[in-house]
C-alpha atoms as a PDB file:
ATOM      1  CA  MET A   1       0.000   0.000   0.000  1.00  0.00           C
ATOM      2  CA  ILE A   2       1.320   3.483  -0.948  1.00  0.00           C
ATOM      3  CA  GLN A   3       0.802   6.179   1.624  1.00  0.00           C
ATOM      4  CA  ASN A   4       0.514   9.897   0.937  1.00  0.00           C
ATOM      5  CA  THR A   5       3.444  11.620   2.672  1.00  0.00           C
ATOM      6  CA  PHE A   6       1.575  14.924   2.947  1.00  0.00           C
ATOM      7  CA  ASN A   7      -0.737  15.264   5.877  1.00  0.00           C
ATOM      8  CA  GLU A   8      -3.698  17.576   6.286  1.00  0.00           C
ATOM      9  CA  GLU A   9      -1.944  19.761   8.856  1.00  0.00           C
ATOM     10  CA  PHE A  10       0.948  20.417   6.458  1.00  0.00           C
ATOM     11  CA  ILE A  11      -1.411  21.339   3.627  1.00  0.00           C
ATOM     12  CA  LYS A  12      -3.274  23.824   5.843  1.00  0.00           C
ATOM     13  CA  LYS A  13      -0.017  25.578   6.828  1.00  0.00           C
ATOM     14  CA  ASP A  14       1.736  25.502   3.439  1.00  0.00           C
ATOM     15  CA  LYS A  15       0.456  28.276   1.166  1.00  0.00           C
ATOM     16  CA  SER A  16       3.191  27.978  -1.490  1.00  0.00           C
ATOM     17  CA  HIS A  17       0.950  25.984  -3.803  1.00  0.00           C
ATOM     18  CA  GLN A  18      -1.682  28.707  -3.938  1.00  0.00           C
ATOM     19  CA  GLN A  19      -1.726  31.067  -6.907  1.00  0.00           C
ATOM     20  CA  LYS A  20      -1.624  34.797  -6.214  1.00  0.00           C
ATOM     21  CA  ARG A  21      -4.531  36.883  -7.435  1.00  0.00           C
ATOM     22  CA  THR A  22      -3.567  38.800 -10.595  1.00  0.00           C
ATOM     23  CA  LYS A  23      -4.413  42.479 -11.133  1.00  0.00           C
ATOM     24  CA  LEU A  24      -4.341  43.285 -14.831  1.00  0.00           C
ATOM     25  CA  THR A  25      -3.457  46.860 -15.725  1.00  0.00           C
ATOM     26  CA  ILE A  26      -2.435  48.819 -18.804  1.00  0.00           C
ATOM     27  CA  MET A  27      -0.025  51.668 -19.506  1.00  0.00           C
ATOM     28  CA  CYS A  28       0.148  53.640 -22.725  1.00  0.00           C
ATOM     29  CA  MET A  29       2.755  56.009 -24.117  1.00  0.00           C
ATOM     30  CA  VAL A  30       1.300  58.623 -26.459  1.00  0.00           C
ATOM     31  CA  TYR A  31       4.090  60.121 -28.541  1.00  0.00           C
ATOM     32  CA  LYS A  32       4.644  62.774 -31.197  1.00  0.00           C
ATOM     33  CA  ASP A  33       6.967  62.864 -34.198  1.00  0.00           C
ATOM     34  CA  ASP A  34       9.070  65.549 -32.454  1.00  0.00           C
ATOM     35  CA  GLY A  35      10.253  62.938 -29.903  1.00  0.00           C
ATOM     36  CA  SER A  36       8.028  64.077 -27.040  1.00  0.00           C
ATOM     37  CA  PHE A  37       5.764  61.682 -25.165  1.00  0.00           C
ATOM     38  CA  LEU A  38       2.960  61.938 -22.650  1.00  0.00           C
ATOM     39  CA  VAL A  39       3.626  61.308 -18.950  1.00  0.00           C
ATOM     40  CA  GLU A  40       1.856  61.751 -15.669  1.00  0.00           C
ATOM     41  CA  ASN A  41       3.582  63.230 -12.629  1.00  0.00           C
ATOM     42  CA  ARG A  42       1.571  61.091 -10.255  1.00  0.00           C
ATOM     43  CA  VAL A  43       0.903  62.390  -6.753  1.00  0.00           C
ATOM     44  CA  LYS A  44      -0.946  59.406  -5.274  1.00  0.00           C
ATOM     45  CA  LYS A  45       1.091  57.680  -2.561  1.00  0.00           C
ATOM     46  CA  ASP A  46       0.666  54.186  -4.010  1.00  0.00           C
ATOM     47  CA  TRP A  47       2.660  55.010  -7.175  1.00  0.00           C
ATOM     48  CA  PRO A  48       4.244  58.503  -6.963  1.00  0.00           C
ATOM     49  CA  GLY A  49       6.487  60.130  -9.552  1.00  0.00           C
ATOM     50  CA  LEU A  50       6.716  60.238 -13.315  1.00  0.00           C
ATOM     51  CA  THR A  51       4.811  57.399 -14.961  1.00  0.00           C
ATOM     52  CA  PHE A  52       2.816  56.601 -18.062  1.00  0.00           C
ATOM     53  CA  PRO A  53      -0.959  57.010 -17.925  1.00  0.00           C
ATOM     54  CA  GLY A  54      -2.943  53.849 -17.420  1.00  0.00           C
ATOM     55  CA  GLY A  55      -5.046  51.884 -14.997  1.00  0.00           C
ATOM     56  CA  HIS A  56      -6.895  48.684 -14.240  1.00  0.00           C
ATOM     57  CA  VAL A  57      -8.695  46.481 -16.719  1.00  0.00           C
ATOM     58  CA  GLU A  58     -12.282  46.009 -15.554  1.00  0.00           C
ATOM     59  CA  ASP A  59     -13.867  42.550 -15.298  1.00  0.00           C
ATOM     60  CA  ASP A  60     -15.060  41.353 -18.718  1.00  0.00           C
ATOM     61  CA  GLU A  61     -13.390  44.340 -20.451  1.00  0.00           C
ATOM     62  CA  TYR A  62     -11.160  43.803 -23.456  1.00  0.00           C
ATOM     63  CA  ILE A  63      -7.618  45.020 -22.843  1.00  0.00           C
ATOM     64  CA  THR A  64      -7.622  47.375 -25.834  1.00  0.00           C
ATOM     65  CA  ASP A  65     -10.943  48.846 -24.689  1.00  0.00           C
ATOM     66  CA  ALA A  66      -9.347  49.456 -21.286  1.00  0.00           C
ATOM     67  CA  VAL A  67      -6.511  51.374 -22.966  1.00  0.00           C
ATOM     68  CA  VAL A  68      -8.959  53.682 -24.761  1.00  0.00           C
ATOM     69  CA  ARG A  69     -11.091  54.169 -21.624  1.00  0.00           C
ATOM     70  CA  GLU A  70      -8.198  54.774 -19.219  1.00  0.00           C
ATOM     71  CA  MET A  71      -6.466  57.198 -21.568  1.00  0.00           C
ATOM     72  CA  LYS A  72      -9.672  59.204 -21.951  1.00  0.00           C
ATOM     73  CA  GLU A  73     -10.251  59.223 -18.175  1.00  0.00           C
ATOM     74  CA  GLU A  74      -6.688  60.123 -17.202  1.00  0.00           C
ATOM     75  CA  THR A  75      -5.549  62.351 -20.065  1.00  0.00           C
ATOM     76  CA  GLY A  76      -8.637  63.619 -21.889  1.00  0.00           C
ATOM     77  CA  LEU A  77      -7.326  62.104 -25.131  1.00  0.00           C
ATOM     78  CA  THR A  78      -9.046  59.617 -27.393  1.00  0.00           C
ATOM     79  CA  VAL A  79      -6.383  57.206 -28.626  1.00  0.00           C
ATOM     80  CA  SER A  80      -6.463  54.822 -31.576  1.00  0.00           C
ATOM     81  CA  ASN A  81      -4.076  52.557 -33.499  1.00  0.00           C
ATOM     82  CA  ILE A  82      -2.549  51.337 -30.244  1.00  0.00           C
ATOM     83  CA  GLU A  83       0.494  49.117 -30.612  1.00  0.00           C
ATOM     84  CA  PRO A  84       1.291  46.415 -28.036  1.00  0.00           C
ATOM     85  CA  ARG A  85       4.853  46.736 -26.710  1.00  0.00           C
ATOM     86  CA  GLY A  86       5.097  44.032 -24.060  1.00  0.00           C
ATOM     87  CA  TYR A  87       4.415  43.713 -20.381  1.00  0.00           C
ATOM     88  CA  ILE A  88       5.937  44.198 -16.974  1.00  0.00           C
ATOM     89  CA  GLU A  89       4.992  42.494 -13.750  1.00  0.00           C
ATOM     90  CA  TRP A  90       5.523  43.014 -10.053  1.00  0.00           C
ATOM     91  CA  ASN A  91       5.169  40.430  -7.291  1.00  0.00           C
ATOM     92  CA  ASN A  92       6.925  42.345  -4.550  1.00  0.00           C
ATOM     93  CA  PHE A  93       4.433  44.859  -3.181  1.00  0.00           C
ATOM     94  CA  GLY A  94       3.653  42.738  -0.139  1.00  0.00           C
ATOM     95  CA  ASP A  95      -0.051  42.620  -0.969  1.00  0.00           C
ATOM     96  CA  ASP A  96      -0.157  38.972  -2.067  1.00  0.00           C
ATOM     97  CA  VAL A  97      -1.108  40.101  -5.581  1.00  0.00           C
ATOM     98  CA  ARG A  98       0.690  39.699  -8.887  1.00  0.00           C
ATOM     99  CA  HIS A  99       0.510  42.997 -10.799  1.00  0.00           C
ATOM    100  CA  LEU A 100       0.667  42.513 -14.575  1.00  0.00           C
ATOM    101  CA  ALA A 101       0.788  45.631 -16.765  1.00  0.00           C
ATOM    102  CA  MET A 102       0.292  45.362 -20.516  1.00  0.00           C
ATOM    103  CA  LEU A 103       2.224  48.121 -22.312  1.00  0.00           C
ATOM    104  CA  PHE A 104       1.061  50.019 -25.400  1.00  0.00           C
ATOM    105  CA  LYS A 105       2.068  53.037 -27.453  1.00  0.00           C
ATOM    106  CA  THR A 106       0.440  55.208 -30.079  1.00  0.00           C
ATOM    107  CA  LYS A 107       0.871  58.468 -31.915  1.00  0.00           C
ATOM    108  CA  SER A 108      -2.798  58.554 -32.979  1.00  0.00           C
ATOM    109  CA  PHE A 109      -4.832  60.732 -30.639  1.00  0.00           C
ATOM    110  CA  GLU A 110      -7.467  63.440 -30.586  1.00  0.00           C
ATOM    111  CA  GLY A 111      -8.528  65.943 -27.977  1.00  0.00           C
ATOM    112  CA  GLN A 112      -6.931  68.263 -25.462  1.00  0.00           C
ATOM    113  CA  VAL A 113      -4.638  67.042 -22.702  1.00  0.00           C
ATOM    114  CA  LYS A 114      -6.140  67.440 -19.244  1.00  0.00           C
ATOM    115  CA  SER A 115      -4.716  66.488 -15.889  1.00  0.00           C
ATOM    116  CA  SER A 116      -6.603  64.362 -13.390  1.00  0.00           C
ATOM    117  CA  LYS A 117      -6.708  64.097  -9.611  1.00  0.00           C
ATOM    118  CA  GLU A 118      -3.954  61.483  -9.902  1.00  0.00           C
ATOM    119  CA  GLY A 119      -1.422  63.975 -11.253  1.00  0.00           C
ATOM    120  CA  GLU A 120      -0.355  66.470 -13.888  1.00  0.00           C
ATOM    121  CA  ILE A 121      -0.357  65.202 -17.498  1.00  0.00           C
ATOM    122  CA  PHE A 122       2.117  66.693 -19.971  1.00  0.00           C
ATOM    123  CA  PHE A 123       4.406  65.985 -22.914  1.00  0.00           C
ATOM    124  CA  ILE A 124       8.105  65.641 -22.162  1.00  0.00           C
ATOM    125  CA  LYS A 125      11.297  64.854 -24.049  1.00  0.00           C
ATOM    126  CA  GLU A 126      13.771  62.204 -22.945  1.00  0.00           C
ATOM    127  CA  ALA A 127      16.371  64.800 -21.919  1.00  0.00           C
ATOM    128  CA  ASP A 128      13.944  66.231 -19.332  1.00  0.00           C
ATOM    129  CA  ILE A 129      13.169  62.955 -17.521  1.00  0.00           C
ATOM    130  CA  GLU A 130      15.919  63.531 -14.935  1.00  0.00           C
ATOM    131  CA  LYS A 131      14.187  66.722 -13.729  1.00  0.00           C
ATOM    132  CA  TYR A 132      11.376  64.707 -12.093  1.00  0.00           C
ATOM    133  CA  PRO A 133      11.053  62.040  -9.422  1.00  0.00           C
ATOM    134  CA  LEU A 134      10.410  58.695 -11.140  1.00  0.00           C
ATOM    135  CA  SER A 135       7.872  56.028 -10.264  1.00  0.00           C
ATOM    136  CA  ASN A 136       8.921  52.449  -9.619  1.00  0.00           C
ATOM    137  CA  ASP A 137      10.604  50.959 -12.733  1.00  0.00           C
ATOM    138  CA  PHE A 138       9.856  54.033 -14.897  1.00  0.00           C
ATOM    139  CA  LEU A 139      13.119  53.751 -16.855  1.00  0.00           C
ATOM    140  CA  LYS A 140      12.598  50.027 -17.426  1.00  0.00           C
ATOM    141  CA  ILE A 141       9.062  50.667 -18.713  1.00  0.00           C
ATOM    142  CA  TYR A 142      10.280  53.540 -20.896  1.00  0.00           C
ATOM    143  CA  GLU A 143      12.858  51.250 -22.541  1.00  0.00           C
ATOM    144  CA  LEU A 144      10.123  48.735 -23.360  1.00  0.00           C
ATOM    145  CA  LEU A 145       7.913  51.453 -24.839  1.00  0.00           C
ATOM    146  CA  LYS A 146      10.519  53.196 -27.011  1.00  0.00           C
END
């Protein structure tokens, strides 16, 4: 007879086999032919500093629809022709959640830039990045979006 070496008490204590909940988010870099690109100088404590506009994908929402919605909400711009550029993930925020951000870029947009309660929205050139505090992994994300 083969016996299971795992007992119930061990299984109750060991959480390593459990999958973390995943929060799916998007970020989008809107850019112009002159080399400038849109950023947000975020003031919220959970993600302060220079970042790219974006946000959470709602349940049952297509990712590309989330890009259009979040960009409109955070920047006032209506974006189109969005190009996927990759992803970045974080597992180290201590909240038992895997954060997965899908990255996009576009130079197709309409409307007037407006800031939101989350921070000031403006176009910047690469040479001016060092003048601002940067959010977590901003330079890594920027390299993926270029």
